């Protein structure tokens, strides 16, 4: 209770006067101090985001909702509101612009990811079908499908004769992630598939992949991925960056699963949560970068 009271008093009263005092003493606003004190990355952008969100100034708060095309104008408005002179602080404009690209980019990325998640796999859509068949060809180049609906799909970890039923939770997002990993990290994806088909330590490759897509989606939705994206992208996060994050999860989960040596696939949920906790712990590190440290084709 005391913690909540202190937070309220600080955020509504003390913070304003503390900022005013430091401004008088240093001649710089809070955003200037953040951009000059911290190197580009999660710490700087997170602090800038908090400063903007906590501001009583509508221009500063509105910057968080600005689209990419209007960011430069938005930065100019902020500099005008905070009386920042470019001659005295020539690096501020570029630094704040990068912060805003990262902040607004994370919001637009979530919208793009959500759109893919909501897109239902449609067997009558030729592009959807082509993508599914491409997944098979990438993972099983030496084996031809007997037909579109076949038990062979189980060889790459789908549950039934028709994979479309497995995409109900994550929609096209699940399929696109699987294809992205297989296309950009073909050797590694096939290696993970071979591990998934292990007689005692095996798991359903495609189903687990879709489950890991859900994990990545939840982390994005909660904001937990912000430090990762802020550290690895000095600009706007795009869909390919989310797909890259999925590749990291797929590859690292496979290593984790083999190292843990579960007694049965029935223990999947238990180990899935353990892996999830490990990822969330990594994301609490301000210098986190969840990148796949192997060479990709693209």
C-alpha atoms as a PDB file:
ATOM      1  CA  UNK A   1       0.000   0.000   0.000  1.00  0.00           C
ATOM      2  CA  UNK A   2       2.806   2.416   0.895  1.00  0.00           C
ATOM      3  CA  UNK A   3       4.445   1.645  -2.422  1.00  0.00           C
ATOM      4  CA  UNK A   4       1.319   2.636  -4.351  1.00  0.00           C
ATOM      5  CA  UNK A   5       0.980   5.837  -2.314  1.00  0.00           C
ATOM      6  CA  UNK A   6       4.600   6.769  -2.972  1.00  0.00           C
ATOM      7  CA  UNK A   7       4.264   6.040  -6.692  1.00  0.00           C
ATOM      8  CA  UNK A   8       1.181   8.244  -6.901  1.00  0.00           C
ATOM      9  CA  UNK A   9       2.797  11.110  -5.002  1.00  0.00           C
ATOM     10  CA  UNK A  10       5.981  10.897  -7.060  1.00  0.00           C
ATOM     11  CA  UNK A  11       4.295  10.647 -10.460  1.00  0.00           C
ATOM     12  CA  UNK A  12       1.644  13.304  -9.829  1.00  0.00           C
ATOM     13  CA  UNK A  13       3.595  15.858  -7.763  1.00  0.00           C
ATOM     14  CA  UNK A  14       7.273  15.239  -6.992  1.00  0.00           C
ATOM     15  CA  UNK A  15       8.358  14.200 -10.488  1.00  0.00           C
ATOM     16  CA  UNK A  16       7.175  17.482 -12.001  1.00  0.00           C
ATOM     17  CA  UNK A  17       9.081  19.610  -9.518  1.00  0.00           C
ATOM     18  CA  UNK A  18      12.175  17.423  -9.719  1.00  0.00           C
ATOM     19  CA  UNK A  19      12.207  17.808 -13.507  1.00  0.00           C
ATOM     20  CA  UNK A  20      11.737  21.565 -13.157  1.00  0.00           C
ATOM     21  CA  UNK A  21      14.617  21.865 -10.709  1.00  0.00           C
ATOM     22  CA  UNK A  22      17.008  19.855 -12.895  1.00  0.00           C
ATOM     23  CA  UNK A  23      15.926  21.853 -15.947  1.00  0.00           C
ATOM     24  CA  UNK A  24      16.819  25.080 -14.151  1.00  0.00           C
ATOM     25  CA  UNK A  25      20.146  23.665 -12.991  1.00  0.00           C
ATOM     26  CA  UNK A  26      21.258  22.090 -16.293  1.00  0.00           C
ATOM     27  CA  UNK A  27      19.397  24.084 -18.928  1.00  0.00           C
ATOM     28  CA  UNK A  28      18.232  20.853 -20.577  1.00  0.00           C
ATOM     29  CA  UNK A  29      14.889  19.045 -20.611  1.00  0.00           C
ATOM     30  CA  UNK A  30      14.458  15.449 -19.496  1.00  0.00           C
ATOM     31  CA  UNK A  31      14.438  14.084 -23.055  1.00  0.00           C
ATOM     32  CA  UNK A  32      17.722  15.848 -23.796  1.00  0.00           C
ATOM     33  CA  UNK A  33      19.322  14.362 -20.716  1.00  0.00           C
ATOM     34  CA  UNK A  34      18.119  10.880 -21.634  1.00  0.00           C
ATOM     35  CA  UNK A  35      19.346  11.095 -25.228  1.00  0.00           C
ATOM     36  CA  UNK A  36      22.762  12.459 -24.240  1.00  0.00           C
ATOM     37  CA  UNK A  37      23.362  10.188 -21.264  1.00  0.00           C
ATOM     38  CA  UNK A  38      22.459   6.805 -22.749  1.00  0.00           C
ATOM     39  CA  UNK A  39      23.699   5.064 -25.870  1.00  0.00           C
ATOM     40  CA  UNK A  40      21.147   3.984 -28.503  1.00  0.00           C
ATOM     41  CA  UNK A  41      19.198   0.955 -27.318  1.00  0.00           C
ATOM     42  CA  UNK A  42      16.615  -0.308 -24.887  1.00  0.00           C
ATOM     43  CA  UNK A  43      17.596   1.778 -21.858  1.00  0.00           C
ATOM     44  CA  UNK A  44      17.497   5.061 -23.741  1.00  0.00           C
ATOM     45  CA  UNK A  45      14.317   4.345 -25.708  1.00  0.00           C
ATOM     46  CA  UNK A  46      12.471   2.917 -22.691  1.00  0.00           C
ATOM     47  CA  UNK A  47      13.288   5.989 -20.620  1.00  0.00           C
ATOM     48  CA  UNK A  48      12.279   8.288 -23.480  1.00  0.00           C
ATOM     49  CA  UNK A  49       9.002   6.390 -23.843  1.00  0.00           C
ATOM     50  CA  UNK A  50       8.273   6.729 -20.124  1.00  0.00           C
ATOM     51  CA  UNK A  51       9.095  10.431 -20.232  1.00  0.00           C
ATOM     52  CA  UNK A  52       6.736  11.032 -23.156  1.00  0.00           C
ATOM     53  CA  UNK A  53       3.954   8.923 -21.686  1.00  0.00           C
ATOM     54  CA  UNK A  54       4.203  10.637 -18.289  1.00  0.00           C
ATOM     55  CA  UNK A  55       4.272  14.158 -19.708  1.00  0.00           C
ATOM     56  CA  UNK A  56       1.416  16.568 -19.045  1.00  0.00           C
ATOM     57  CA  UNK A  57       2.081  18.060 -22.487  1.00  0.00           C
ATOM     58  CA  UNK A  58      -0.328  16.801 -25.171  1.00  0.00           C
ATOM     59  CA  UNK A  59       2.274  17.209 -27.923  1.00  0.00           C
ATOM     60  CA  UNK A  60       4.702  14.926 -26.117  1.00  0.00           C
ATOM     61  CA  UNK A  61       2.095  12.304 -25.246  1.00  0.00           C
ATOM     62  CA  UNK A  62       0.731  12.424 -28.790  1.00  0.00           C
ATOM     63  CA  UNK A  63       4.169  11.594 -30.178  1.00  0.00           C
ATOM     64  CA  UNK A  64       3.647   7.989 -29.085  1.00  0.00           C
ATOM     65  CA  UNK A  65       0.730   7.656 -31.513  1.00  0.00           C
ATOM     66  CA  UNK A  66       2.354   9.430 -34.476  1.00  0.00           C
ATOM     67  CA  UNK A  67       2.762   7.514 -37.718  1.00  0.00           C
ATOM     68  CA  UNK A  68       6.159   7.085 -39.349  1.00  0.00           C
ATOM     69  CA  UNK A  69       5.593   9.690 -42.071  1.00  0.00           C
ATOM     70  CA  UNK A  70       4.935  12.463 -39.537  1.00  0.00           C
ATOM     71  CA  UNK A  71       7.729  11.696 -37.081  1.00  0.00           C
ATOM     72  CA  UNK A  72      10.137  14.356 -38.286  1.00  0.00           C
ATOM     73  CA  UNK A  73       7.478  17.032 -37.928  1.00  0.00           C
ATOM     74  CA  UNK A  74       6.608  15.600 -34.513  1.00  0.00           C
ATOM     75  CA  UNK A  75      10.236  15.872 -33.363  1.00  0.00           C
ATOM     76  CA  UNK A  76      10.305  19.512 -34.492  1.00  0.00           C
ATOM     77  CA  UNK A  77       7.149  20.196 -32.471  1.00  0.00           C
ATOM     78  CA  UNK A  78       8.665  18.597 -29.376  1.00  0.00           C
ATOM     79  CA  UNK A  79      11.822  20.674 -29.748  1.00  0.00           C
ATOM     80  CA  UNK A  80       9.683  23.780 -30.035  1.00  0.00           C
ATOM     81  CA  UNK A  81       7.616  22.862 -26.962  1.00  0.00           C
ATOM     82  CA  UNK A  82      10.719  22.104 -24.888  1.00  0.00           C
ATOM     83  CA  UNK A  83      12.657  25.087 -26.279  1.00  0.00           C
ATOM     84  CA  UNK A  84      15.527  22.932 -27.521  1.00  0.00           C
ATOM     85  CA  UNK A  85      17.956  24.834 -29.750  1.00  0.00           C
ATOM     86  CA  UNK A  86      19.548  22.653 -32.476  1.00  0.00           C
ATOM     87  CA  UNK A  87      22.701  24.766 -32.332  1.00  0.00           C
ATOM     88  CA  UNK A  88      23.227  23.942 -28.647  1.00  0.00           C
ATOM     89  CA  UNK A  89      22.265  20.266 -28.921  1.00  0.00           C
ATOM     90  CA  UNK A  90      22.869  19.141 -32.527  1.00  0.00           C
ATOM     91  CA  UNK A  91      22.533  15.404 -31.758  1.00  0.00           C
ATOM     92  CA  UNK A  92      19.192  15.576 -29.962  1.00  0.00           C
ATOM     93  CA  UNK A  93      16.915  15.653 -33.010  1.00  0.00           C
ATOM     94  CA  UNK A  94      18.401  12.513 -34.564  1.00  0.00           C
ATOM     95  CA  UNK A  95      18.480  10.668 -31.233  1.00  0.00           C
ATOM     96  CA  UNK A  96      14.845  11.434 -30.427  1.00  0.00           C
ATOM     97  CA  UNK A  97      13.801  10.541 -33.971  1.00  0.00           C
ATOM     98  CA  UNK A  98      15.366   7.087 -33.575  1.00  0.00           C
ATOM     99  CA  UNK A  99      13.606   6.607 -30.235  1.00  0.00           C
ATOM    100  CA  UNK A 100      10.252   7.485 -31.781  1.00  0.00           C
ATOM    101  CA  UNK A 101      10.859   5.202 -34.762  1.00  0.00           C
ATOM    102  CA  UNK A 102      11.431   2.350 -32.322  1.00  0.00           C
ATOM    103  CA  UNK A 103       8.475   3.182 -30.071  1.00  0.00           C
ATOM    104  CA  UNK A 104       5.895   3.684 -32.817  1.00  0.00           C
ATOM    105  CA  UNK A 105       7.402   0.839 -34.838  1.00  0.00           C
ATOM    106  CA  UNK A 106       6.692  -1.608 -32.040  1.00  0.00           C
ATOM    107  CA  UNK A 107       3.020  -0.595 -32.085  1.00  0.00           C
ATOM    108  CA  UNK A 108       2.736  -0.932 -35.869  1.00  0.00           C
ATOM    109  CA  UNK A 109       4.500  -4.301 -35.741  1.00  0.00           C
ATOM    110  CA  UNK A 110       1.900  -5.632 -33.328  1.00  0.00           C
ATOM    111  CA  UNK A 111      -0.882  -4.554 -35.709  1.00  0.00           C
ATOM    112  CA  UNK A 112       0.813  -6.365 -38.612  1.00  0.00           C
ATOM    113  CA  UNK A 113       1.379  -9.514 -36.559  1.00  0.00           C
ATOM    114  CA  UNK A 114      -2.194  -9.470 -35.300  1.00  0.00           C
ATOM    115  CA  UNK A 115      -3.507  -9.168 -38.870  1.00  0.00           C
ATOM    116  CA  UNK A 116      -1.584 -12.298 -39.866  1.00  0.00           C
ATOM    117  CA  UNK A 117      -2.765 -14.144 -36.774  1.00  0.00           C
ATOM    118  CA  UNK A 118      -6.370 -13.362 -37.655  1.00  0.00           C
ATOM    119  CA  UNK A 119      -5.944 -14.479 -41.267  1.00  0.00           C
ATOM    120  CA  UNK A 120      -7.457 -17.958 -41.449  1.00  0.00           C
ATOM    121  CA  UNK A 121      -5.747 -20.609 -43.557  1.00  0.00           C
ATOM    122  CA  UNK A 122      -7.985 -21.197 -46.568  1.00  0.00           C
ATOM    123  CA  UNK A 123      -7.550 -24.304 -48.697  1.00  0.00           C
ATOM    124  CA  UNK A 124      -9.171 -22.471 -51.603  1.00  0.00           C
ATOM    125  CA  UNK A 125      -6.563 -19.712 -51.452  1.00  0.00           C
ATOM    126  CA  UNK A 126      -3.791 -20.663 -53.879  1.00  0.00           C
ATOM    127  CA  UNK A 127      -1.205 -18.575 -52.034  1.00  0.00           C
ATOM    128  CA  UNK A 128      -1.990 -20.305 -48.756  1.00  0.00           C
ATOM    129  CA  UNK A 129      -1.766 -23.714 -50.386  1.00  0.00           C
ATOM    130  CA  UNK A 130       1.477 -22.854 -52.158  1.00  0.00           C
ATOM    131  CA  UNK A 131       3.034 -21.725 -48.878  1.00  0.00           C
ATOM    132  CA  UNK A 132       2.059 -24.976 -47.173  1.00  0.00           C
ATOM    133  CA  UNK A 133       3.505 -27.086 -49.980  1.00  0.00           C
ATOM    134  CA  UNK A 134       6.648 -24.939 -49.921  1.00  0.00           C
ATOM    135  CA  UNK A 135       7.105 -25.844 -46.253  1.00  0.00           C
ATOM    136  CA  UNK A 136       7.045 -29.516 -47.150  1.00  0.00           C
ATOM    137  CA  UNK A 137       9.504 -29.096 -50.027  1.00  0.00           C
ATOM    138  CA  UNK A 138      11.931 -27.149 -47.843  1.00  0.00           C
ATOM    139  CA  UNK A 139      11.910 -29.703 -45.050  1.00  0.00           C
ATOM    140  CA  UNK A 140      11.484 -32.904 -47.087  1.00  0.00           C
ATOM    141  CA  UNK A 141      13.093 -32.221 -50.495  1.00  0.00           C
ATOM    142  CA  UNK A 142      13.685 -35.889 -51.264  1.00  0.00           C
ATOM    143  CA  UNK A 143      10.122 -37.005 -50.487  1.00  0.00           C
ATOM    144  CA  UNK A 144       7.062 -36.220 -52.582  1.00  0.00           C
ATOM    145  CA  UNK A 145       3.606 -35.961 -51.078  1.00  0.00           C
ATOM    146  CA  UNK A 146       1.254 -38.714 -52.174  1.00  0.00           C
ATOM    147  CA  UNK A 147      -1.604 -36.213 -52.112  1.00  0.00           C
ATOM    148  CA  UNK A 148      -2.583 -32.920 -50.499  1.00  0.00           C
ATOM    149  CA  UNK A 149      -4.421 -34.700 -47.705  1.00  0.00           C
ATOM    150  CA  UNK A 150      -2.202 -37.460 -46.400  1.00  0.00           C
ATOM    151  CA  UNK A 151      -0.750 -38.960 -43.236  1.00  0.00           C
ATOM    152  CA  UNK A 152       2.680 -37.859 -44.472  1.00  0.00           C
ATOM    153  CA  UNK A 153       2.113 -34.463 -42.879  1.00  0.00           C
ATOM    154  CA  UNK A 154       2.781 -36.185 -39.586  1.00  0.00           C
ATOM    155  CA  UNK A 155       6.420 -36.575 -40.676  1.00  0.00           C
ATOM    156  CA  UNK A 156       6.951 -32.850 -40.144  1.00  0.00           C
ATOM    157  CA  UNK A 157       4.885 -32.680 -37.000  1.00  0.00           C
ATOM    158  CA  UNK A 158       1.280 -31.944 -37.972  1.00  0.00           C
ATOM    159  CA  UNK A 159      -1.473 -33.739 -36.077  1.00  0.00           C
ATOM    160  CA  UNK A 160      -3.743 -34.973 -38.830  1.00  0.00           C
ATOM    161  CA  UNK A 161      -4.011 -35.638 -42.538  1.00  0.00           C
ATOM    162  CA  UNK A 162      -4.763 -31.973 -43.294  1.00  0.00           C
ATOM    163  CA  UNK A 163      -2.527 -29.346 -41.641  1.00  0.00           C
ATOM    164  CA  UNK A 164      -5.082 -26.583 -42.048  1.00  0.00           C
ATOM    165  CA  UNK A 165      -6.777 -27.612 -38.813  1.00  0.00           C
ATOM    166  CA  UNK A 166      -3.554 -26.996 -36.869  1.00  0.00           C
ATOM    167  CA  UNK A 167      -3.417 -23.334 -37.878  1.00  0.00           C
ATOM    168  CA  UNK A 168      -6.670 -22.389 -36.162  1.00  0.00           C
ATOM    169  CA  UNK A 169      -5.003 -20.747 -33.155  1.00  0.00           C
ATOM    170  CA  UNK A 170      -2.310 -18.683 -34.878  1.00  0.00           C
ATOM    171  CA  UNK A 171      -3.720 -18.474 -38.391  1.00  0.00           C
ATOM    172  CA  UNK A 172      -1.313 -17.686 -41.223  1.00  0.00           C
ATOM    173  CA  UNK A 173       1.194 -16.310 -38.725  1.00  0.00           C
ATOM    174  CA  UNK A 174       2.015 -19.861 -37.633  1.00  0.00           C
ATOM    175  CA  UNK A 175       2.576 -21.084 -41.188  1.00  0.00           C
ATOM    176  CA  UNK A 176       4.606 -18.059 -42.273  1.00  0.00           C
ATOM    177  CA  UNK A 177       6.927 -18.451 -39.285  1.00  0.00           C
ATOM    178  CA  UNK A 178       7.503 -22.115 -40.090  1.00  0.00           C
ATOM    179  CA  UNK A 179       8.274 -21.287 -43.728  1.00  0.00           C
ATOM    180  CA  UNK A 180      10.516 -18.335 -42.819  1.00  0.00           C
ATOM    181  CA  UNK A 181      12.675 -20.535 -40.577  1.00  0.00           C
ATOM    182  CA  UNK A 182      12.845 -23.300 -43.184  1.00  0.00           C
ATOM    183  CA  UNK A 183      13.653 -20.900 -46.022  1.00  0.00           C
ATOM    184  CA  UNK A 184      16.214 -18.691 -44.304  1.00  0.00           C
ATOM    185  CA  UNK A 185      17.814 -21.318 -42.065  1.00  0.00           C
ATOM    186  CA  UNK A 186      17.204 -24.446 -44.113  1.00  0.00           C
ATOM    187  CA  UNK A 187      20.024 -26.559 -42.714  1.00  0.00           C
ATOM    188  CA  UNK A 188      19.163 -25.639 -39.131  1.00  0.00           C
ATOM    189  CA  UNK A 189      15.433 -26.228 -39.671  1.00  0.00           C
ATOM    190  CA  UNK A 190      16.102 -29.710 -41.065  1.00  0.00           C
ATOM    191  CA  UNK A 191      18.406 -30.410 -38.143  1.00  0.00           C
ATOM    192  CA  UNK A 192      15.694 -29.377 -35.691  1.00  0.00           C
ATOM    193  CA  UNK A 193      13.207 -31.583 -37.574  1.00  0.00           C
ATOM    194  CA  UNK A 194      15.564 -34.556 -37.265  1.00  0.00           C
ATOM    195  CA  UNK A 195      15.765 -33.931 -33.515  1.00  0.00           C
ATOM    196  CA  UNK A 196      11.970 -33.695 -33.355  1.00  0.00           C
ATOM    197  CA  UNK A 197      11.768 -37.147 -34.966  1.00  0.00           C
ATOM    198  CA  UNK A 198      14.077 -38.709 -32.374  1.00  0.00           C
ATOM    199  CA  UNK A 199      12.617 -42.024 -31.166  1.00  0.00           C
ATOM    200  CA  UNK A 200      12.710 -41.106 -27.470  1.00  0.00           C
ATOM    201  CA  UNK A 201      13.203 -37.316 -27.276  1.00  0.00           C
ATOM    202  CA  UNK A 202      11.042 -36.410 -30.231  1.00  0.00           C
ATOM    203  CA  UNK A 203       8.206 -33.889 -30.415  1.00  0.00           C
ATOM    204  CA  UNK A 204       5.753 -32.656 -33.048  1.00  0.00           C
ATOM    205  CA  UNK A 205       7.877 -30.201 -35.034  1.00  0.00           C
ATOM    206  CA  UNK A 206       5.089 -28.178 -36.674  1.00  0.00           C
ATOM    207  CA  UNK A 207       2.787 -28.170 -33.648  1.00  0.00           C
ATOM    208  CA  UNK A 208       5.586 -27.032 -31.362  1.00  0.00           C
ATOM    209  CA  UNK A 209       6.520 -24.406 -33.938  1.00  0.00           C
ATOM    210  CA  UNK A 210       2.983 -23.030 -33.899  1.00  0.00           C
ATOM    211  CA  UNK A 211       3.076 -23.098 -30.097  1.00  0.00           C
ATOM    212  CA  UNK A 212       6.291 -21.066 -30.154  1.00  0.00           C
ATOM    213  CA  UNK A 213       4.606 -18.616 -32.516  1.00  0.00           C
ATOM    214  CA  UNK A 214       1.972 -18.143 -29.817  1.00  0.00           C
ATOM    215  CA  UNK A 215       4.755 -17.539 -27.294  1.00  0.00           C
ATOM    216  CA  UNK A 216       6.355 -14.895 -29.524  1.00  0.00           C
ATOM    217  CA  UNK A 217       2.966 -13.292 -30.151  1.00  0.00           C
ATOM    218  CA  UNK A 218       2.169 -13.116 -26.422  1.00  0.00           C
ATOM    219  CA  UNK A 219       5.567 -11.594 -25.638  1.00  0.00           C
ATOM    220  CA  UNK A 220       5.019  -8.973 -28.322  1.00  0.00           C
ATOM    221  CA  UNK A 221       1.506  -8.195 -27.124  1.00  0.00           C
ATOM    222  CA  UNK A 222       2.631  -7.754 -23.523  1.00  0.00           C
ATOM    223  CA  UNK A 223       5.461  -5.417 -24.501  1.00  0.00           C
ATOM    224  CA  UNK A 224       8.103  -7.825 -23.206  1.00  0.00           C
ATOM    225  CA  UNK A 225       9.898  -7.847 -26.576  1.00  0.00           C
ATOM    226  CA  UNK A 226      10.511  -4.103 -26.589  1.00  0.00           C
ATOM    227  CA  UNK A 227      14.046  -4.319 -25.094  1.00  0.00           C
ATOM    228  CA  UNK A 228      15.038  -6.885 -27.732  1.00  0.00           C
ATOM    229  CA  UNK A 229      13.758  -4.819 -30.639  1.00  0.00           C
ATOM    230  CA  UNK A 230      15.084  -1.544 -29.189  1.00  0.00           C
ATOM    231  CA  UNK A 231      18.569  -3.082 -28.923  1.00  0.00           C
ATOM    232  CA  UNK A 232      18.656  -4.783 -32.310  1.00  0.00           C
ATOM    233  CA  UNK A 233      16.827  -2.353 -34.619  1.00  0.00           C
ATOM    234  CA  UNK A 234      17.764   1.326 -34.805  1.00  0.00           C
ATOM    235  CA  UNK A 235      14.547   2.134 -36.603  1.00  0.00           C
ATOM    236  CA  UNK A 236      11.130   0.661 -37.252  1.00  0.00           C
ATOM    237  CA  UNK A 237      10.566  -3.008 -36.427  1.00  0.00           C
ATOM    238  CA  UNK A 238       9.030  -4.944 -39.314  1.00  0.00           C
ATOM    239  CA  UNK A 239       7.447  -8.360 -39.777  1.00  0.00           C
ATOM    240  CA  UNK A 240      10.749  -9.928 -40.791  1.00  0.00           C
ATOM    241  CA  UNK A 241      12.162  -8.967 -37.401  1.00  0.00           C
ATOM    242  CA  UNK A 242       9.322 -10.826 -35.686  1.00  0.00           C
ATOM    243  CA  UNK A 243       9.951 -13.856 -37.913  1.00  0.00           C
ATOM    244  CA  UNK A 244      13.642 -13.688 -36.973  1.00  0.00           C
ATOM    245  CA  UNK A 245      12.655 -13.720 -33.307  1.00  0.00           C
ATOM    246  CA  UNK A 246      10.590 -16.834 -33.969  1.00  0.00           C
ATOM    247  CA  UNK A 247      13.632 -18.503 -35.560  1.00  0.00           C
ATOM    248  CA  UNK A 248      15.587 -17.815 -32.394  1.00  0.00           C
ATOM    249  CA  UNK A 249      12.858 -19.402 -30.262  1.00  0.00           C
ATOM    250  CA  UNK A 250      12.540 -22.460 -32.504  1.00  0.00           C
ATOM    251  CA  UNK A 251      16.271 -23.104 -32.547  1.00  0.00           C
ATOM    252  CA  UNK A 252      16.846 -22.421 -28.862  1.00  0.00           C
ATOM    253  CA  UNK A 253      13.828 -24.444 -27.746  1.00  0.00           C
ATOM    254  CA  UNK A 254      15.163 -27.464 -29.615  1.00  0.00           C
ATOM    255  CA  UNK A 255      18.515 -27.168 -27.813  1.00  0.00           C
ATOM    256  CA  UNK A 256      16.713 -26.687 -24.503  1.00  0.00           C
ATOM    257  CA  UNK A 257      14.456 -29.715 -25.049  1.00  0.00           C
ATOM    258  CA  UNK A 258      17.349 -32.025 -25.914  1.00  0.00           C
ATOM    259  CA  UNK A 259      19.403 -30.805 -22.959  1.00  0.00           C
ATOM    260  CA  UNK A 260      16.506 -31.336 -20.532  1.00  0.00           C
ATOM    261  CA  UNK A 261      15.776 -34.868 -21.848  1.00  0.00           C
ATOM    262  CA  UNK A 262      12.079 -35.030 -20.853  1.00  0.00           C
ATOM    263  CA  UNK A 263      10.778 -38.485 -20.107  1.00  0.00           C
ATOM    264  CA  UNK A 264       7.714 -38.016 -22.271  1.00  0.00           C
ATOM    265  CA  UNK A 265       6.111 -35.587 -24.719  1.00  0.00           C
ATOM    266  CA  UNK A 266       3.292 -35.482 -22.172  1.00  0.00           C
ATOM    267  CA  UNK A 267       5.551 -33.192 -20.137  1.00  0.00           C
ATOM    268  CA  UNK A 268       5.666 -30.642 -22.954  1.00  0.00           C
ATOM    269  CA  UNK A 269       3.633 -27.946 -21.187  1.00  0.00           C
ATOM    270  CA  UNK A 270       5.866 -28.111 -18.131  1.00  0.00           C
ATOM    271  CA  UNK A 271       9.043 -27.668 -20.176  1.00  0.00           C
ATOM    272  CA  UNK A 272       7.420 -25.114 -22.435  1.00  0.00           C
ATOM    273  CA  UNK A 273       6.729 -22.908 -19.414  1.00  0.00           C
ATOM    274  CA  UNK A 274      10.251 -23.426 -18.125  1.00  0.00           C
ATOM    275  CA  UNK A 275      11.639 -22.286 -21.494  1.00  0.00           C
ATOM    276  CA  UNK A 276       9.186 -19.365 -21.488  1.00  0.00           C
ATOM    277  CA  UNK A 277      10.496 -18.271 -18.083  1.00  0.00           C
ATOM    278  CA  UNK A 278      14.080 -18.426 -19.373  1.00  0.00           C
ATOM    279  CA  UNK A 279      13.194 -16.191 -22.319  1.00  0.00           C
ATOM    280  CA  UNK A 280      11.376 -13.705 -20.070  1.00  0.00           C
ATOM    281  CA  UNK A 281      14.405 -13.594 -17.774  1.00  0.00           C
ATOM    282  CA  UNK A 282      16.644 -12.775 -20.751  1.00  0.00           C
ATOM    283  CA  UNK A 283      14.243  -9.991 -21.740  1.00  0.00           C
ATOM    284  CA  UNK A 284      14.689  -8.328 -18.347  1.00  0.00           C
ATOM    285  CA  UNK A 285      18.326  -7.665 -19.225  1.00  0.00           C
ATOM    286  CA  UNK A 286      18.520  -4.086 -20.616  1.00  0.00           C
ATOM    287  CA  UNK A 287      21.164  -5.261 -23.117  1.00  0.00           C
ATOM    288  CA  UNK A 288      19.186  -8.270 -24.352  1.00  0.00           C
ATOM    289  CA  UNK A 289      19.418  -9.318 -28.008  1.00  0.00           C
ATOM    290  CA  UNK A 290      17.654 -12.582 -28.875  1.00  0.00           C
ATOM    291  CA  UNK A 291      19.398 -13.215 -32.164  1.00  0.00           C
ATOM    292  CA  UNK A 292      20.186 -16.487 -33.869  1.00  0.00           C
ATOM    293  CA  UNK A 293      23.986 -16.641 -33.996  1.00  0.00           C
ATOM    294  CA  UNK A 294      24.341 -18.673 -37.186  1.00  0.00           C
ATOM    295  CA  UNK A 295      24.700 -17.567 -40.783  1.00  0.00           C
ATOM    296  CA  UNK A 296      21.467 -17.201 -42.751  1.00  0.00           C
ATOM    297  CA  UNK A 297      21.053 -17.171 -46.498  1.00  0.00           C
ATOM    298  CA  UNK A 298      19.361 -13.778 -46.418  1.00  0.00           C
END
